[in-house]
């Protein structure tokens, strides 16, 4: 048993390594979380300080042993990351994707990175990293069709058929908000630091409904936010709500047009403020949905990846 742990010793470290953030958990053999750390040591920081150096620092802070194996998902496996974990082409069973984790060479411990997914269609090329692990941990049924919405900087809408990813699309909604707020005429409307958008903002809902009502046509509405500030004294915090509602509504209208509105509820994998905003927007779009916490899903997916790669035994329930 490792020192510092009163109960079971850690069996694996699970790491969600994104572009700007890192989340780490120590997991015992049954899937129970023993320790957790979060920080701003994402891909960008790791490129400067070194992936191994940052990882070992977080593991040491949690009291992990030098031999503890590590399973990683996210941007650490990108071309700009620690090791490029090759994409798996869709359609792809999620279990097989997790089982194909690439081992990082030259390390004293067993470190593996879950591969991303690639859609190699000539007219709709697309990729994802990290979301495949959330999908695997979202408790999706082994049989049947599911449409999954995963909000973020690059929002994903994913079609899952009988436990396999059949196809997906990316809407860079979060990135568009940031770019427009900082580098377009709208920076004069939103201010230097755009205010957080409240889900009960009437401006968010009104502008979301506008985008939904016109099938996702948002470009013709963007300048109206600036004009409303000049002509109607639209406040900066309300302008941020307008832009958020417009972009999220446009995304949902576009995805609804592409994938249709099936009988099954949309699975919304999200957390924090985005969960509230997308829940409201899906309701305005008339789409039934069920929510899955994104943090819990990625952790559960990493635990499943550890099992698929033989790092922990396939016993007990996901924690």
Protein backbone atom coordinates (compact mmCIF):
# COMPACT_ATOMS: atom_id res chain seq x y z
CA UNK A 1 0.00 0.00 0.00
CA UNK A 2 1.33 3.43 -0.92
CA UNK A 3 2.14 5.76 1.97
CA UNK A 4 -0.44 8.48 2.59
CA UNK A 5 -3.45 6.39 1.59
CA UNK A 6 -5.46 4.92 4.43
CA UNK A 7 -7.49 2.61 2.20
CA UNK A 8 -6.58 0.92 -1.05
CA UNK A 9 -3.45 1.97 -2.89
CA UNK A 10 -3.77 3.77 -6.24
CA UNK A 11 -3.77 1.40 -9.22
CA UNK A 12 -3.59 3.99 -12.00
CA UNK A 13 -3.39 7.74 -12.59
CA UNK A 14 -5.99 9.13 -15.00
CA UNK A 15 -5.19 12.40 -16.82
CA UNK A 16 -7.43 14.62 -18.94
CA UNK A 17 -4.89 16.85 -20.70
CA UNK A 18 -6.47 19.66 -22.68
CA UNK A 19 -5.13 22.70 -24.50
CA UNK A 20 -5.17 24.98 -21.46
CA UNK A 21 -6.15 22.76 -18.51
CA UNK A 22 -5.09 19.50 -16.89
CA UNK A 23 -7.13 17.30 -14.57
CA UNK A 24 -5.59 14.35 -12.76
CA UNK A 25 -7.01 11.58 -10.57
CA UNK A 26 -5.50 8.67 -8.67
CA UNK A 27 -7.78 5.64 -9.01
CA UNK A 28 -7.80 2.38 -7.06
CA UNK A 29 -8.43 -1.05 -8.56
CA UNK A 30 -12.21 -0.77 -8.14
CA UNK A 31 -12.44 2.59 -9.91
CA UNK A 32 -12.66 4.71 -6.74
CA UNK A 33 -11.08 8.18 -6.80
CA UNK A 34 -8.40 8.57 -4.12
CA UNK A 35 -6.93 11.97 -5.03
CA UNK A 36 -7.51 14.77 -7.54
CA UNK A 37 -5.62 17.77 -8.92
CA UNK A 38 -6.53 20.47 -11.43
CA UNK A 39 -4.39 23.17 -12.95
CA UNK A 40 -3.58 25.42 -15.89
CA UNK A 41 -0.84 23.07 -17.13
CA UNK A 42 -2.42 22.32 -20.48
CA UNK A 43 -0.79 21.61 -23.82
CA UNK A 44 0.52 25.15 -24.22
CA UNK A 45 2.31 25.12 -20.86
CA UNK A 46 3.56 21.55 -21.35
CA UNK A 47 5.18 22.45 -24.66
CA UNK A 48 7.31 24.95 -22.77
CA UNK A 49 8.01 23.10 -19.52
CA UNK A 50 7.95 19.50 -20.74
CA UNK A 51 5.17 16.94 -20.52
CA UNK A 52 7.11 14.49 -18.35
CA UNK A 53 8.20 17.21 -15.93
CA UNK A 54 4.66 18.51 -15.44
CA UNK A 55 3.13 15.05 -15.13
CA UNK A 56 5.67 13.87 -12.57
CA UNK A 57 5.13 17.04 -10.55
CA UNK A 58 1.38 16.47 -10.35
CA UNK A 59 1.80 12.78 -9.53
CA UNK A 60 4.32 13.52 -6.78
CA UNK A 61 1.99 16.14 -5.28
CA UNK A 62 -0.73 13.49 -5.04
CA UNK A 63 1.62 10.94 -3.45
CA UNK A 64 1.78 8.56 -6.41
CA UNK A 65 4.50 5.94 -6.52
CA UNK A 66 7.21 5.97 -9.18
CA UNK A 67 5.77 2.80 -10.74
CA UNK A 68 2.13 3.87 -10.99
CA UNK A 69 0.84 3.50 -14.58
CA UNK A 70 -0.84 6.48 -16.27
CA UNK A 71 -3.66 6.71 -18.79
CA UNK A 72 -4.11 10.04 -20.63
CA UNK A 73 -6.69 11.49 -23.01
CA UNK A 74 -6.88 14.80 -24.83
CA UNK A 75 -4.45 17.12 -26.54
CA UNK A 76 -1.35 15.48 -25.08
CA UNK A 77 -1.93 12.95 -27.85
CA UNK A 78 -2.11 15.55 -30.65
CA UNK A 79 0.53 16.29 -33.26
CA UNK A 80 1.68 19.22 -31.11
CA UNK A 81 1.52 17.13 -27.92
CA UNK A 82 3.69 14.63 -26.11
CA UNK A 83 3.11 11.79 -28.54
CA UNK A 84 0.79 11.75 -31.53
CA UNK A 85 -1.65 8.93 -30.81
CA UNK A 86 -2.90 7.94 -34.30
CA UNK A 87 -6.54 8.68 -35.07
CA UNK A 88 -8.99 5.81 -35.33
CA UNK A 89 -11.29 6.13 -38.32
CA UNK A 90 -15.05 6.12 -37.78
CA UNK A 91 -17.19 4.11 -37.63
CA UNK A 92 -15.41 2.82 -34.54
CA UNK A 93 -16.56 0.93 -31.40
CA UNK A 94 -15.67 3.02 -28.35
CA UNK A 95 -14.17 0.05 -26.52
CA UNK A 96 -11.79 -0.65 -29.39
CA UNK A 97 -10.76 3.03 -29.48
CA UNK A 98 -9.85 3.01 -25.79
CA UNK A 99 -7.97 -0.28 -26.13
CA UNK A 100 -5.69 1.24 -28.76
CA UNK A 101 -3.95 3.66 -26.39
CA UNK A 102 -0.40 4.47 -27.56
CA UNK A 103 2.48 3.94 -25.14
CA UNK A 104 4.88 6.84 -24.56
CA UNK A 105 8.42 5.53 -25.09
CA UNK A 106 11.44 6.22 -22.91
CA UNK A 107 9.54 6.55 -19.62
CA UNK A 108 10.19 4.76 -16.33
CA UNK A 109 6.49 4.13 -15.85
CA UNK A 110 3.81 2.79 -18.20
CA UNK A 111 2.19 5.89 -19.77
CA UNK A 112 -0.44 5.52 -22.49
CA UNK A 113 -2.48 8.03 -24.47
CA UNK A 114 -5.95 7.32 -25.83
CA UNK A 115 -6.22 7.96 -29.59
CA UNK A 116 -8.64 10.44 -31.09
CA UNK A 117 -11.23 9.83 -33.80
CA UNK A 118 -11.08 10.83 -37.46
CA UNK A 119 -13.91 11.20 -39.92
CA UNK A 120 -12.25 10.76 -43.31
CA UNK A 121 -15.14 11.77 -45.57
CA UNK A 122 -14.04 13.81 -48.58
CA UNK A 123 -16.78 16.39 -48.06
CA UNK A 124 -16.82 16.36 -44.24
CA UNK A 125 -13.36 15.70 -42.77
CA UNK A 126 -13.30 16.05 -38.99
CA UNK A 127 -11.31 15.04 -35.91
CA UNK A 128 -11.73 14.87 -32.14
CA UNK A 129 -9.46 14.26 -29.16
CA UNK A 130 -10.69 13.85 -25.61
CA UNK A 131 -14.37 13.72 -26.50
CA UNK A 132 -14.10 10.02 -27.41
CA UNK A 133 -13.20 9.32 -23.77
CA UNK A 134 -16.16 11.35 -22.51
CA UNK A 135 -18.41 9.35 -24.85
CA UNK A 136 -17.04 6.09 -23.47
CA UNK A 137 -17.80 7.23 -19.92
CA UNK A 138 -21.22 8.74 -20.57
CA UNK A 139 -23.19 5.56 -19.90
CA UNK A 140 -24.55 5.29 -23.44
CA UNK A 141 -26.55 2.12 -24.11
CA UNK A 142 -24.88 -0.76 -25.93
CA UNK A 143 -27.79 -0.94 -28.37
CA UNK A 144 -29.70 1.75 -30.22
CA UNK A 145 -29.03 5.17 -31.72
CA UNK A 146 -27.96 8.23 -29.76
CA UNK A 147 -27.30 11.83 -30.80
CA UNK A 148 -24.81 13.45 -28.45
CA UNK A 149 -24.11 17.18 -28.00
CA UNK A 150 -20.76 18.09 -26.42
CA UNK A 151 -20.44 21.89 -25.99
CA UNK A 152 -17.09 23.62 -25.80
CA UNK A 153 -14.55 25.65 -27.68
CA UNK A 154 -15.13 23.25 -30.57
CA UNK A 155 -18.56 21.77 -29.91
CA UNK A 156 -19.13 18.22 -31.16
CA UNK A 157 -22.35 16.57 -32.26
CA UNK A 158 -21.90 12.82 -32.44
CA UNK A 159 -23.97 9.97 -33.83
CA UNK A 160 -23.53 6.78 -31.81
CA UNK A 161 -24.93 3.49 -33.14
CA UNK A 162 -24.85 0.36 -30.94
CA UNK A 163 -21.87 1.62 -28.93
CA UNK A 164 -19.86 2.77 -31.95
CA UNK A 165 -19.25 6.31 -33.21
CA UNK A 166 -20.86 6.41 -36.65
CA UNK A 167 -20.09 10.04 -37.47
CA UNK A 168 -19.72 13.51 -36.01
CA UNK A 169 -19.46 17.21 -36.76
CA UNK A 170 -17.69 20.15 -35.15
CA UNK A 171 -19.12 23.62 -34.56
CA UNK A 172 -16.36 25.99 -33.24
CA UNK A 173 -18.91 27.99 -31.25
CA UNK A 174 -16.73 28.85 -28.28
CA UNK A 175 -13.83 29.88 -30.48
CA UNK A 176 -16.10 32.03 -32.65
CA UNK A 177 -17.34 33.85 -29.56
CA UNK A 178 -13.77 34.56 -28.44
CA UNK A 179 -12.57 35.67 -31.87
CA UNK A 180 -15.57 37.93 -32.51
CA UNK A 181 -15.40 39.41 -29.01
CA UNK A 182 -11.69 40.22 -29.27
CA UNK A 183 -10.97 40.80 -32.97
CA UNK A 184 -14.11 42.12 -34.65
CA UNK A 185 -16.20 45.27 -34.51
CA UNK A 186 -18.13 43.59 -31.68
CA UNK A 187 -15.22 44.19 -29.31
CA UNK A 188 -16.55 47.73 -28.92
CA UNK A 189 -19.93 46.32 -27.86
CA UNK A 190 -18.77 43.55 -25.49
CA UNK A 191 -15.87 45.38 -23.87
CA UNK A 192 -12.35 44.19 -23.13
CA UNK A 193 -13.51 41.42 -20.79
CA UNK A 194 -16.94 40.07 -21.86
CA UNK A 195 -19.25 39.44 -18.94
CA UNK A 196 -20.33 35.89 -18.09
CA UNK A 197 -23.68 35.10 -19.69
CA UNK A 198 -26.55 34.33 -17.32
CA UNK A 199 -28.96 31.63 -18.44
CA UNK A 200 -31.94 33.75 -17.37
CA UNK A 201 -30.85 36.70 -19.51
CA UNK A 202 -33.74 37.71 -21.78
CA UNK A 203 -31.16 38.80 -24.37
CA UNK A 204 -29.62 35.32 -24.49
CA UNK A 205 -33.01 33.73 -25.01
CA UNK A 206 -34.26 36.30 -27.55
CA UNK A 207 -31.17 36.05 -29.74
CA UNK A 208 -31.07 32.27 -29.41
CA UNK A 209 -34.66 32.15 -30.63
CA UNK A 210 -33.76 34.41 -33.55
CA UNK A 211 -31.04 32.03 -34.70
CA UNK A 212 -33.28 29.00 -34.23
CA UNK A 213 -36.15 30.64 -36.08
CA UNK A 214 -34.02 31.33 -39.14
CA UNK A 215 -32.37 27.94 -39.32
CA UNK A 216 -29.02 29.02 -37.94
CA UNK A 217 -28.39 32.07 -40.13
CA UNK A 218 -26.20 34.07 -37.76
CA UNK A 219 -23.86 36.11 -39.95
CA UNK A 220 -26.61 38.46 -41.02
CA UNK A 221 -27.41 39.16 -37.35
CA UNK A 222 -23.91 39.79 -36.01
CA UNK A 223 -23.65 43.44 -36.92
CA UNK A 224 -27.07 44.06 -35.39
CA UNK A 225 -25.45 43.59 -31.98
CA UNK A 226 -23.16 46.51 -32.70
CA UNK A 227 -26.02 48.57 -34.09
CA UNK A 228 -28.13 47.86 -30.99
CA UNK A 229 -25.38 49.33 -28.86
CA UNK A 230 -25.29 52.49 -30.93
CA UNK A 231 -29.02 52.94 -31.42
CA UNK A 232 -30.68 51.21 -28.46
CA UNK A 233 -28.07 51.64 -25.68
CA UNK A 234 -27.45 47.88 -25.47
CA UNK A 235 -25.16 47.32 -22.47
CA UNK A 236 -21.93 45.35 -22.81
CA UNK A 237 -23.12 42.47 -20.62
CA UNK A 238 -26.31 42.21 -22.65
CA UNK A 239 -24.32 42.31 -25.89
CA UNK A 240 -22.33 39.29 -24.66
CA UNK A 241 -25.61 37.49 -23.97
CA UNK A 242 -26.86 38.37 -27.46
CA UNK A 243 -23.73 36.97 -29.11
CA UNK A 244 -23.78 33.82 -27.00
CA UNK A 245 -27.45 33.18 -27.69
CA UNK A 246 -26.99 33.81 -31.40
CA UNK A 247 -24.02 31.45 -31.77
CA UNK A 248 -25.43 28.65 -29.60
CA UNK A 249 -28.81 28.91 -31.29
CA UNK A 250 -27.12 28.83 -34.68
CA UNK A 251 -25.16 25.73 -33.74
CA UNK A 252 -28.23 23.86 -32.53
CA UNK A 253 -30.30 24.87 -35.57
CA UNK A 254 -27.53 23.71 -37.90
CA UNK A 255 -27.05 20.41 -36.06
CA UNK A 256 -30.80 19.82 -35.97
CA UNK A 257 -30.97 20.37 -39.71
CA UNK A 258 -28.06 17.95 -40.30
CA UNK A 259 -29.03 15.16 -37.93
CA UNK A 260 -32.78 15.62 -37.58
CA UNK A 261 -34.80 15.38 -34.37
CA UNK A 262 -35.12 11.71 -33.51
CA UNK A 263 -37.36 10.08 -30.95
CA UNK A 264 -34.57 9.63 -28.39
CA UNK A 265 -33.52 12.64 -26.29
CA UNK A 266 -30.26 14.35 -27.20
CA UNK A 267 -27.50 13.38 -24.77
CA UNK A 268 -25.95 16.63 -23.50
CA UNK A 269 -22.45 16.00 -22.10
CA UNK A 270 -21.46 19.24 -20.40
CA UNK A 271 -20.72 20.96 -17.11
CA UNK A 272 -20.72 24.39 -15.51
CA UNK A 273 -22.18 27.43 -17.25
CA UNK A 274 -22.26 25.76 -20.66
CA UNK A 275 -24.52 23.04 -19.31
CA UNK A 276 -27.08 25.65 -18.26
CA UNK A 277 -26.87 27.64 -21.48
CA UNK A 278 -27.18 24.60 -23.77
CA UNK A 279 -29.97 23.14 -21.65
CA UNK A 280 -31.94 26.36 -22.12
CA UNK A 281 -31.13 26.54 -25.84
CA UNK A 282 -32.11 22.91 -26.49
CA UNK A 283 -35.39 23.60 -24.73
CA UNK A 284 -36.01 26.64 -26.91
CA UNK A 285 -35.31 24.45 -29.95
CA UNK A 286 -37.95 21.97 -28.81
CA UNK A 287 -35.41 19.17 -28.36
CA UNK A 288 -35.76 16.76 -25.45
CA UNK A 289 -32.44 15.97 -23.79
CA UNK A 290 -30.81 14.25 -20.86
CA UNK A 291 -27.74 15.65 -19.19
CA UNK A 292 -24.45 13.91 -18.39
CA UNK A 293 -21.77 15.67 -16.34
CA UNK A 294 -18.69 16.11 -18.54
CA UNK A 295 -16.19 15.85 -15.67
CA UNK A 296 -17.68 12.59 -14.47
CA UNK A 297 -17.86 11.23 -18.00
CA UNK A 298 -14.21 11.84 -18.85
CA UNK A 299 -13.08 10.31 -15.57
CA UNK A 300 -15.27 7.26 -16.09
CA UNK A 301 -13.98 6.96 -19.65
CA UNK A 302 -10.37 7.08 -18.48
CA UNK A 303 -11.10 4.35 -15.94
CA UNK A 304 -12.60 2.25 -18.71
CA UNK A 305 -9.52 2.95 -20.86
CA UNK A 306 -7.31 1.76 -18.01
CA UNK A 307 -9.32 -1.47 -17.91
CA UNK A 308 -9.18 -1.92 -21.69
CA UNK A 309 -5.38 -1.58 -21.55
CA UNK A 310 -4.95 -4.00 -18.64
CA UNK A 311 -3.83 -1.36 -16.14
CA UNK A 312 -6.59 -2.29 -13.71
CA UNK A 313 -8.76 -5.39 -13.58
CA UNK A 314 -12.26 -5.41 -15.01
CA UNK A 315 -13.99 -5.64 -11.65
CA UNK A 316 -16.27 -3.32 -9.70
CA UNK A 317 -18.34 -0.42 -10.95
CA UNK A 318 -17.21 2.88 -12.37
CA UNK A 319 -16.90 5.57 -9.72
